[in-house]
């Protein structure tokens, strides 16, 4: 495998790990997570004890030096930074 292809695969794996880790972190903080798929990765919703929505935001997980695209900014997605340990970047997570 050449260097470009290997680097692309590592970036893809890092993104998958970032999404898994980011979901876990938000769930621990009390958010409900929904996949959106268009212009953002997820919708995070926080509710109060009566079930009323307190916070509703579109987020896009970013790892490494990744930035939001113009389309993501137009859709109103927020950047949610996730750090992925270097030893995990090589392995593809299983969904």
PDB file of N, CA and C in Angstrom:
ATOM      1  N   UNK A   1       0.852  -1.183   0.000  1.00  0.00           N
ATOM      2  CA  UNK A   1       0.000   0.000   0.000  1.00  0.00           C
ATOM      3  C   UNK A   1       0.897   1.244   0.000  1.00  0.00           C
ATOM      4  N   UNK A   2       0.614   2.164  -0.882  1.00  0.00           N
ATOM      5  CA  UNK A   2       1.448   3.358  -0.931  1.00  0.00           C
ATOM      6  C   UNK A   2       1.118   4.304   0.224  1.00  0.00           C
ATOM      7  N   UNK A   3       1.963   5.312   0.385  1.00  0.00           N
ATOM      8  CA  UNK A   3       1.844   6.208   1.547  1.00  0.00           C
ATOM      9  C   UNK A   3       0.539   6.991   1.563  1.00  0.00           C
ATOM     10  N   UNK A   4       0.110   7.479   0.393  1.00  0.00           N
ATOM     11  CA  UNK A   4      -1.130   8.272   0.341  1.00  0.00           C
ATOM     12  C   UNK A   4      -2.336   7.431   0.736  1.00  0.00           C
ATOM     13  N   UNK A   5      -2.394   6.219   0.214  1.00  0.00           N
ATOM     14  CA  UNK A   5      -3.520   5.347   0.512  1.00  0.00           C
ATOM     15  C   UNK A   5      -3.526   4.967   2.000  1.00  0.00           C
ATOM     16  N   UNK A   6      -2.345   4.693   2.545  1.00  0.00           N
ATOM     17  CA  UNK A   6      -2.230   4.344   3.961  1.00  0.00           C
ATOM     18  C   UNK A   6      -2.664   5.513   4.843  1.00  0.00           C
ATOM     19  N   UNK A   7      -2.229   6.722   4.467  1.00  0.00           N
ATOM     20  CA  UNK A   7      -2.591   7.916   5.235  1.00  0.00           C
ATOM     21  C   UNK A   7      -4.098   8.164   5.187  1.00  0.00           C
ATOM     22  N   UNK A   8      -4.694   7.966   4.015  1.00  0.00           N
ATOM     23  CA  UNK A   8      -6.136   8.130   3.867  1.00  0.00           C
ATOM     24  C   UNK A   8      -6.887   7.131   4.744  1.00  0.00           C
ATOM     25  N   UNK A   9      -6.417   5.893   4.772  1.00  0.00           N
ATOM     26  CA  UNK A   9      -7.038   4.862   5.604  1.00  0.00           C
ATOM     27  C   UNK A   9      -6.914   5.203   7.094  1.00  0.00           C
ATOM     28  N   UNK A  10      -5.744   5.717   7.511  1.00  0.00           N
ATOM     29  CA  UNK A  10      -5.559   6.118   8.904  1.00  0.00           C
ATOM     30  C   UNK A  10      -6.501   7.261   9.278  1.00  0.00           C
ATOM     31  N   UNK A  11      -6.650   8.237   8.378  1.00  0.00           N
ATOM     32  CA  UNK A  11      -7.555   9.354   8.650  1.00  0.00           C
ATOM     33  C   UNK A  11      -9.004   8.876   8.772  1.00  0.00           C
ATOM     34  N   UNK A  12      -9.383   7.947   7.911  1.00  0.00           N
ATOM     35  CA  UNK A  12     -10.734   7.398   7.954  1.00  0.00           C
ATOM     36  C   UNK A  12     -10.972   6.666   9.280  1.00  0.00           C
ATOM     37  N   UNK A  13     -10.011   5.856   9.684  1.00  0.00           N
ATOM     38  CA  UNK A  13     -10.127   5.137  10.947  1.00  0.00           C
ATOM     39  C   UNK A  13     -10.178   6.095  12.129  1.00  0.00           C
ATOM     40  N   UNK A  14      -9.348   7.129  12.071  1.00  0.00           N
ATOM     41  CA  UNK A  14      -9.333   8.127  13.144  1.00  0.00           C
ATOM     42  C   UNK A  14     -10.699   8.803  13.249  1.00  0.00           C
ATOM     43  N   UNK A  15     -11.328   9.080  12.126  1.00  0.00           N
ATOM     44  CA  UNK A  15     -12.663   9.677  12.132  1.00  0.00           C
ATOM     45  C   UNK A  15     -13.698   8.765  12.755  1.00  0.00           C
ATOM     46  N   UNK A  16     -13.614   7.454  12.438  1.00  0.00           N
ATOM     47  CA  UNK A  16     -14.552   6.500  13.037  1.00  0.00           C
ATOM     48  C   UNK A  16     -14.375   6.449  14.550  1.00  0.00           C
ATOM     49  N   UNK A  17     -13.127   6.397  14.985  1.00  0.00           N
ATOM     50  CA  UNK A  17     -12.868   6.376  16.432  1.00  0.00           C
ATOM     51  C   UNK A  17     -13.375   7.660  17.079  1.00  0.00           C
ATOM     52  N   UNK A  18     -13.170   8.777  16.415  1.00  0.00           N
ATOM     53  CA  UNK A  18     -13.630  10.057  16.952  1.00  0.00           C
ATOM     54  C   UNK A  18     -15.137  10.083  17.150  1.00  0.00           C
ATOM     55  N   UNK A  19     -15.888   9.522  16.193  1.00  0.00           N
ATOM     56  CA  UNK A  19     -17.337   9.485  16.324  1.00  0.00           C
ATOM     57  C   UNK A  19     -17.766   8.590  17.488  1.00  0.00           C
ATOM     58  N   UNK A  20     -17.147   7.435  17.605  1.00  0.00           N
ATOM     59  CA  UNK A  20     -17.491   6.534  18.708  1.00  0.00           C
ATOM     60  C   UNK A  20     -17.179   7.165  20.062  1.00  0.00           C
ATOM     61  N   UNK A  21     -15.996   7.726  20.174  1.00  0.00           N
ATOM     62  CA  UNK A  21     -15.571   8.335  21.430  1.00  0.00           C
ATOM     63  C   UNK A  21     -16.425   9.560  21.751  1.00  0.00           C
ATOM     64  N   UNK A  22     -16.692  10.374  20.739  1.00  0.00           N
ATOM     65  CA  UNK A  22     -17.519  11.568  20.941  1.00  0.00           C
ATOM     66  C   UNK A  22     -18.920  11.216  21.400  1.00  0.00           C
ATOM     67  N   UNK A  23     -19.517  10.188  20.788  1.00  0.00           N
ATOM     68  CA  UNK A  23     -20.849   9.746  21.226  1.00  0.00           C
ATOM     69  C   UNK A  23     -20.822   9.331  22.687  1.00  0.00           C
ATOM     70  N   UNK A  24     -19.821   8.542  23.055  1.00  0.00           N
ATOM     71  CA  UNK A  24     -19.713   8.092  24.447  1.00  0.00           C
ATOM     72  C   UNK A  24     -19.601   9.264  25.409  1.00  0.00           C
ATOM     73  N   UNK A  25     -18.774  10.242  25.061  1.00  0.00           N
ATOM     74  CA  UNK A  25     -18.592  11.399  25.935  1.00  0.00           C
ATOM     75  C   UNK A  25     -19.882  12.197  26.103  1.00  0.00           C
ATOM     76  N   UNK A  26     -20.615  12.385  25.020  1.00  0.00           N
ATOM     77  CA  UNK A  26     -21.860  13.156  25.106  1.00  0.00           C
ATOM     78  C   UNK A  26     -22.941  12.406  25.880  1.00  0.00           C
ATOM     79  N   UNK A  27     -22.997  11.094  25.717  1.00  0.00           N
ATOM     80  CA  UNK A  27     -23.972  10.300  26.463  1.00  0.00           C
ATOM     81  C   UNK A  27     -23.679  10.374  27.958  1.00  0.00           C
ATOM     82  N   UNK A  28     -22.403  10.311  28.318  1.00  0.00           N
ATOM     83  CA  UNK A  28     -22.004  10.438  29.724  1.00  0.00           C
ATOM     84  C   UNK A  28     -22.439  11.793  30.288  1.00  0.00           C
ATOM     85  N   UNK A  29     -22.393  12.836  29.440  1.00  0.00           N
ATOM     86  CA  UNK A  29     -22.782  14.175  29.874  1.00  0.00           C
ATOM     87  C   UNK A  29     -24.302  14.379  29.877  1.00  0.00           C
ATOM     88  N   UNK A  30     -25.062  13.358  29.486  1.00  0.00           N
ATOM     89  CA  UNK A  30     -26.514  13.439  29.563  1.00  0.00           C
ATOM     90  C   UNK A  30     -27.225  13.847  28.291  1.00  0.00           C
ATOM     91  N   UNK A  31     -26.564  13.801  27.152  1.00  0.00           N
ATOM     92  CA  UNK A  31     -27.187  14.166  25.884  1.00  0.00           C
ATOM     93  C   UNK A  31     -27.804  12.947  25.212  1.00  0.00           C
ATOM     94  N   UNK A  32     -28.852  13.185  24.436  1.00  0.00           N
ATOM     95  CA  UNK A  32     -29.386  12.187  23.517  1.00  0.00           C
ATOM     96  C   UNK A  32     -28.713  12.454  22.175  1.00  0.00           C
ATOM     97  N   UNK A  33     -28.335  11.403  21.471  1.00  0.00           N
ATOM     98  CA  UNK A  33     -27.603  11.542  20.212  1.00  0.00           C
ATOM     99  C   UNK A  33     -28.426  10.944  19.082  1.00  0.00           C
ATOM    100  N   UNK A  34     -28.564  11.686  17.973  1.00  0.00           N
ATOM    101  CA  UNK A  34     -29.228  11.188  16.773  1.00  0.00           C
ATOM    102  C   UNK A  34     -28.300  11.407  15.592  1.00  0.00           C
ATOM    103  N   UNK A  35     -28.217  10.428  14.694  1.00  0.00           N
ATOM    104  CA  UNK A  35     -27.426  10.610  13.473  1.00  0.00           C
ATOM    105  C   UNK A  35     -28.226  11.457  12.498  1.00  0.00           C
ATOM    106  N   UNK A  36     -27.546  12.365  11.802  1.00  0.00           N
ATOM    107  CA  UNK A  36     -28.229  13.195  10.813  1.00  0.00           C
ATOM    108  C   UNK A  36     -27.767  12.846   9.408  1.00  0.00           C
ATOM    109  N   UNK A  37     -26.446  12.864   9.182  1.00  0.00           N
ATOM    110  CA  UNK A  37     -25.917  12.455   7.893  1.00  0.00           C
ATOM    111  C   UNK A  37     -25.844  13.539   6.837  1.00  0.00           C
ATOM    112  N   UNK A  38     -26.513  14.660   6.999  1.00  0.00           N
ATOM    113  CA  UNK A  38     -26.452  15.721   5.994  1.00  0.00           C
ATOM    114  C   UNK A  38     -25.914  16.995   6.609  1.00  0.00           C
ATOM    115  N   UNK A  39     -24.700  17.337   6.304  1.00  0.00           N
ATOM    116  CA  UNK A  39     -24.110  18.572   6.783  1.00  0.00           C
ATOM    117  C   UNK A  39     -23.582  18.513   8.207  1.00  0.00           C
ATOM    118  N   UNK A  40     -23.883  17.443   8.907  1.00  0.00           N
ATOM    119  CA  UNK A  40     -23.387  17.270  10.268  1.00  0.00           C
ATOM    120  C   UNK A  40     -23.399  15.782  10.584  1.00  0.00           C
ATOM    121  N   UNK A  41     -22.648  15.396  11.619  1.00  0.00           N
ATOM    122  CA  UNK A  41     -22.627  13.985  12.017  1.00  0.00           C
ATOM    123  C   UNK A  41     -23.810  13.637  12.907  1.00  0.00           C
ATOM    124  N   UNK A  42     -24.080  14.495  13.869  1.00  0.00           N
ATOM    125  CA  UNK A  42     -25.064  14.158  14.889  1.00  0.00           C
ATOM    126  C   UNK A  42     -25.882  15.386  15.308  1.00  0.00           C
ATOM    127  N   UNK A  43     -27.012  15.107  15.907  1.00  0.00           N
ATOM    128  CA  UNK A  43     -27.808  16.119  16.594  1.00  0.00           C
ATOM    129  C   UNK A  43     -27.747  15.745  18.067  1.00  0.00           C
ATOM    130  N   UNK A  44     -27.343  16.692  18.901  1.00  0.00           N
ATOM    131  CA  UNK A  44     -27.307  16.414  20.338  1.00  0.00           C
ATOM    132  C   UNK A  44     -28.427  17.190  21.007  1.00  0.00           C
ATOM    133  N   UNK A  45     -29.147  16.492  21.869  1.00  0.00           N
ATOM    134  CA  UNK A  45     -30.305  17.076  22.545  1.00  0.00           C
ATOM    135  C   UNK A  45     -30.148  16.847  24.042  1.00  0.00           C
ATOM    136  N   UNK A  46     -30.343  17.899  24.795  1.00  0.00           N
ATOM    137  CA  UNK A  46     -30.325  17.799  26.262  1.00  0.00           C
ATOM    138  C   UNK A  46     -31.715  18.180  26.763  1.00  0.00           C
ATOM    139  N   UNK A  47     -32.223  17.376  27.694  1.00  0.00           N
ATOM    140  CA  UNK A  47     -33.549  17.623  28.252  1.00  0.00           C
ATOM    141  C   UNK A  47     -33.451  17.892  29.753  1.00  0.00           C
ATOM    142  N   UNK A  48     -34.415  18.644  30.270  1.00  0.00           N
ATOM    143  CA  UNK A  48     -34.473  18.862  31.720  1.00  0.00           C
ATOM    144  C   UNK A  48     -35.220  17.691  32.361  1.00  0.00           C
ATOM    145  N   UNK A  49     -35.414  17.742  33.659  1.00  0.00           N
ATOM    146  CA  UNK A  49     -36.029  16.603  34.363  1.00  0.00           C
ATOM    147  C   UNK A  49     -37.503  16.396  33.987  1.00  0.00           C
ATOM    148  N   UNK A  50     -38.119  17.393  33.360  1.00  0.00           N
ATOM    149  CA  UNK A  50     -39.508  17.273  32.940  1.00  0.00           C
ATOM    150  C   UNK A  50     -39.635  16.829  31.483  1.00  0.00           C
ATOM    151  N   UNK A  51     -38.510  16.620  30.803  1.00  0.00           N
ATOM    152  CA  UNK A  51     -38.519  16.171  29.412  1.00  0.00           C
ATOM    153  C   UNK A  51     -38.532  17.289  28.392  1.00  0.00           C
ATOM    154  N   UNK A  52     -38.459  18.541  28.847  1.00  0.00           N
ATOM    155  CA  UNK A  52     -38.418  19.669  27.922  1.00  0.00           C
ATOM    156  C   UNK A  52     -37.015  19.811  27.341  1.00  0.00           C
ATOM    157  N   UNK A  53     -36.937  20.155  26.066  1.00  0.00           N
ATOM    158  CA  UNK A  53     -35.646  20.317  25.414  1.00  0.00           C
ATOM    159  C   UNK A  53     -34.988  21.600  25.893  1.00  0.00           C
ATOM    160  N   UNK A  54     -33.774  21.465  26.439  1.00  0.00           N
ATOM    161  CA  UNK A  54     -33.013  22.599  26.937  1.00  0.00           C
ATOM    162  C   UNK A  54     -31.996  23.042  25.885  1.00  0.00           C
ATOM    163  N   UNK A  55     -31.422  22.078  25.172  1.00  0.00           N
ATOM    164  CA  UNK A  55     -30.395  22.370  24.174  1.00  0.00           C
ATOM    165  C   UNK A  55     -30.577  21.420  23.000  1.00  0.00           C
ATOM    166  N   UNK A  56     -30.496  21.955  21.783  1.00  0.00           N
ATOM    167  CA  UNK A  56     -30.625  21.154  20.568  1.00  0.00           C
ATOM    168  C   UNK A  56     -29.640  21.728  19.547  1.00  0.00           C
ATOM    169  N   UNK A  57     -28.581  20.974  19.237  1.00  0.00           N
ATOM    170  CA  UNK A  57     -27.540  21.483  18.338  1.00  0.00           C
ATOM    171  C   UNK A  57     -27.085  20.410  17.369  1.00  0.00           C
ATOM    172  N   UNK A  58     -26.684  20.857  16.189  1.00  0.00           N
ATOM    173  CA  UNK A  58     -26.031  19.979  15.233  1.00  0.00           C
ATOM    174  C   UNK A  58     -24.538  20.040  15.490  1.00  0.00           C
ATOM    175  N   UNK A  59     -23.888  18.882  15.499  1.00  0.00           N
ATOM    176  CA  UNK A  59     -22.443  18.861  15.716  1.00  0.00           C
ATOM    177  C   UNK A  59     -21.775  17.993  14.664  1.00  0.00           C
ATOM    178  N   UNK A  60     -20.520  18.270  14.434  1.00  0.00           N
ATOM    179  CA  UNK A  60     -19.707  17.473  13.539  1.00  0.00           C
ATOM    180  C   UNK A  60     -18.412  17.158  14.260  1.00  0.00           C
ATOM    181  N   UNK A  61     -18.130  15.884  14.446  1.00  0.00           N
ATOM    182  CA  UNK A  61     -16.910  15.476  15.140  1.00  0.00           C
ATOM    183  C   UNK A  61     -15.701  15.761  14.260  1.00  0.00           C
ATOM    184  N   UNK A  62     -14.674  16.326  14.844  1.00  0.00           N
ATOM    185  CA  UNK A  62     -13.440  16.616  14.127  1.00  0.00           C
ATOM    186  C   UNK A  62     -12.259  16.082  14.923  1.00  0.00           C
ATOM    187  N   UNK A  63     -11.359  15.413  14.225  1.00  0.00           N
ATOM    188  CA  UNK A  63     -10.150  14.885  14.848  1.00  0.00           C
ATOM    189  C   UNK A  63      -8.947  15.467  14.121  1.00  0.00           C
ATOM    190  N   UNK A  64      -7.844  15.534  14.800  1.00  0.00           N
ATOM    191  CA  UNK A  64      -6.623  16.047  14.172  1.00  0.00           C
ATOM    192  C   UNK A  64      -6.770  17.490  13.744  1.00  0.00           C
ATOM    193  N   UNK A  65      -6.347  17.791  12.502  1.00  0.00           N
ATOM    194  CA  UNK A  65      -6.388  19.153  11.969  1.00  0.00           C
ATOM    195  C   UNK A  65      -7.618  19.421  11.107  1.00  0.00           C
ATOM    196  N   UNK A  66      -8.597  18.540  11.123  1.00  0.00           N
ATOM    197  CA  UNK A  66      -9.781  18.678  10.270  1.00  0.00           C
ATOM    198  C   UNK A  66     -10.558  19.949  10.614  1.00  0.00           C
ATOM    199  N   UNK A  67     -11.171  20.526   9.602  1.00  0.00           N
ATOM    200  CA  UNK A  67     -11.959  21.753   9.762  1.00  0.00           C
ATOM    201  C   UNK A  67     -13.354  21.527   9.190  1.00  0.00           C
ATOM    202  N   UNK A  68     -14.301  22.354   9.584  1.00  0.00           N
ATOM    203  CA  UNK A  68     -15.641  22.291   9.014  1.00  0.00           C
ATOM    204  C   UNK A  68     -15.604  22.739   7.563  1.00  0.00           C
ATOM    205  N   UNK A  69     -16.358  22.060   6.711  1.00  0.00           N
ATOM    206  CA  UNK A  69     -16.457  22.482   5.318  1.00  0.00           C
ATOM    207  C   UNK A  69     -17.447  23.653   5.216  1.00  0.00           C
ATOM    208  N   UNK A  70     -17.487  24.289   4.058  1.00  0.00           N
ATOM    209  CA  UNK A  70     -18.423  25.398   3.864  1.00  0.00           C
ATOM    210  C   UNK A  70     -19.860  24.916   4.013  1.00  0.00           C
ATOM    211  N   UNK A  71     -20.145  23.741   3.465  1.00  0.00           N
ATOM    212  CA  UNK A  71     -21.505  23.187   3.548  1.00  0.00           C
ATOM    213  C   UNK A  71     -21.895  22.928   5.000  1.00  0.00           C
ATOM    214  N   UNK A  72     -20.974  22.403   5.785  1.00  0.00           N
ATOM    215  CA  UNK A  72     -21.262  22.150   7.196  1.00  0.00           C
ATOM    216  C   UNK A  72     -21.533  23.448   7.944  1.00  0.00           C
ATOM    217  N   UNK A  73     -20.780  24.492   7.624  1.00  0.00           N
ATOM    218  CA  UNK A  73     -21.009  25.789   8.265  1.00  0.00           C
ATOM    219  C   UNK A  73     -22.363  26.359   7.855  1.00  0.00           C
ATOM    220  N   UNK A  74     -22.737  26.199   6.571  1.00  0.00           N
ATOM    221  CA  UNK A  74     -24.028  26.693   6.096  1.00  0.00           C
ATOM    222  C   UNK A  74     -25.184  25.984   6.798  1.00  0.00           C
ATOM    223  N   UNK A  75     -24.997  24.701   7.092  1.00  0.00           N
ATOM    224  CA  UNK A  75     -26.049  23.917   7.760  1.00  0.00           C
ATOM    225  C   UNK A  75     -26.140  24.237   9.249  1.00  0.00           C
ATOM    226  N   UNK A  76     -25.173  24.976   9.771  1.00  0.00           N
ATOM    227  CA  UNK A  76     -25.201  25.365  11.176  1.00  0.00           C
ATOM    228  C   UNK A  76     -24.568  24.359  12.122  1.00  0.00           C
ATOM    229  N   UNK A  77     -23.745  23.476  11.582  1.00  0.00           N
ATOM    230  CA  UNK A  77     -23.098  22.478  12.437  1.00  0.00           C
ATOM    231  C   UNK A  77     -21.990  23.127  13.258  1.00  0.00           C
ATOM    232  N   UNK A  78     -21.877  22.688  14.509  1.00  0.00           N
ATOM    233  CA  UNK A  78     -20.788  23.139  15.377  1.00  0.00           C
ATOM    234  C   UNK A  78     -19.670  22.109  15.335  1.00  0.00           C
ATOM    235  N   UNK A  79     -18.471  22.583  15.504  1.00  0.00           N
ATOM    236  CA  UNK A  79     -17.324  21.687  15.558  1.00  0.00           C
ATOM    237  C   UNK A  79     -17.214  21.110  16.964  1.00  0.00           C
ATOM    238  N   UNK A  80     -17.072  19.800  17.056  1.00  0.00           N
ATOM    239  CA  UNK A  80     -16.880  19.134  18.346  1.00  0.00           C
ATOM    240  C   UNK A  80     -15.557  18.389  18.262  1.00  0.00           C
ATOM    241  N   UNK A  81     -14.536  18.914  18.919  1.00  0.00           N
ATOM    242  CA  UNK A  81     -13.177  18.352  18.846  1.00  0.00           C
ATOM    243  C   UNK A  81     -13.061  17.075  19.659  1.00  0.00           C
ATOM    244  N   UNK A  82     -12.475  16.065  19.048  1.00  0.00           N
ATOM    245  CA  UNK A  82     -12.259  14.780  19.704  1.00  0.00           C
ATOM    246  C   UNK A  82     -10.797  14.396  19.518  1.00  0.00           C
ATOM    247  N   UNK A  83     -10.137  14.021  20.608  1.00  0.00           N
ATOM    248  CA  UNK A  83      -8.758  13.564  20.538  1.00  0.00           C
ATOM    249  C   UNK A  83      -8.756  12.045  20.490  1.00  0.00           C
ATOM    250  N   UNK A  84      -8.050  11.486  19.515  1.00  0.00           N
ATOM    251  CA  UNK A  84      -7.956  10.036  19.386  1.00  0.00           C
ATOM    252  C   UNK A  84      -6.515   9.624  19.669  1.00  0.00           C
ATOM    253  N   UNK A  85      -6.297   8.709  20.617  1.00  0.00           N
ATOM    254  CA  UNK A  85      -4.932   8.270  20.929  1.00  0.00           C
ATOM    255  C   UNK A  85      -4.242   7.687  19.698  1.00  0.00           C
ATOM    256  N   UNK A  86      -2.955   7.971  19.512  1.00  0.00           N
ATOM    257  CA  UNK A  86      -2.242   7.521  18.311  1.00  0.00           C
ATOM    258  C   UNK A  86      -2.312   6.014  18.066  1.00  0.00           C
ATOM    259  N   UNK A  87      -2.313   5.203  19.118  1.00  0.00           N
ATOM    260  CA  UNK A  87      -2.304   3.761  18.896  1.00  0.00           C
ATOM    261  C   UNK A  87      -3.633   3.250  18.333  1.00  0.00           C
ATOM    262  N   UNK A  88      -4.711   4.015  18.475  1.00  0.00           N
ATOM    263  CA  UNK A  88      -6.004   3.598  17.935  1.00  0.00           C
ATOM    264  C   UNK A  88      -6.185   3.993  16.470  1.00  0.00           C
ATOM    265  N   UNK A  89      -5.408   4.930  15.982  1.00  0.00           N
ATOM    266  CA  UNK A  89      -5.599   5.466  14.643  1.00  0.00           C
ATOM    267  C   UNK A  89      -5.371   4.418  13.553  1.00  0.00           C
ATOM    268  N   UNK A  90      -4.620   3.393  13.868  1.00  0.00           N
ATOM    269  CA  UNK A  90      -4.305   2.362  12.873  1.00  0.00           C
ATOM    270  C   UNK A  90      -5.409   1.327  12.735  1.00  0.00           C
ATOM    271  N   UNK A  91      -6.232   1.165  13.749  1.00  0.00           N
ATOM    272  CA  UNK A  91      -7.214   0.096  13.774  1.00  0.00           C
ATOM    273  C   UNK A  91      -8.593   0.588  13.399  1.00  0.00           C
ATOM    274  N   UNK A  92      -9.285  -0.186  12.594  1.00  0.00           N
ATOM    275  CA  UNK A  92     -10.642   0.173  12.221  1.00  0.00           C
ATOM    276  C   UNK A  92     -11.611  -0.314  13.296  1.00  0.00           C
ATOM    277  N   UNK A  93     -12.436   0.578  13.839  1.00  0.00           N
ATOM    278  CA  UNK A  93     -13.397   0.149  14.854  1.00  0.00           C
ATOM    279  C   UNK A  93     -14.501  -0.694  14.223  1.00  0.00           C
ATOM    280  N   UNK A  94     -15.064  -1.556  14.996  1.00  0.00           N
ATOM    281  CA  UNK A  94     -16.174  -2.406  14.540  1.00  0.00           C
ATOM    282  C   UNK A  94     -17.476  -1.809  15.045  1.00  0.00           C
ATOM    283  N   UNK A  95     -18.419  -1.615  14.142  1.00  0.00           N
ATOM    284  CA  UNK A  95     -19.708  -1.039  14.522  1.00  0.00           C
ATOM    285  C   UNK A  95     -20.692  -2.120  14.800  1.00  0.00           C
TER     286      UNK A  95
END
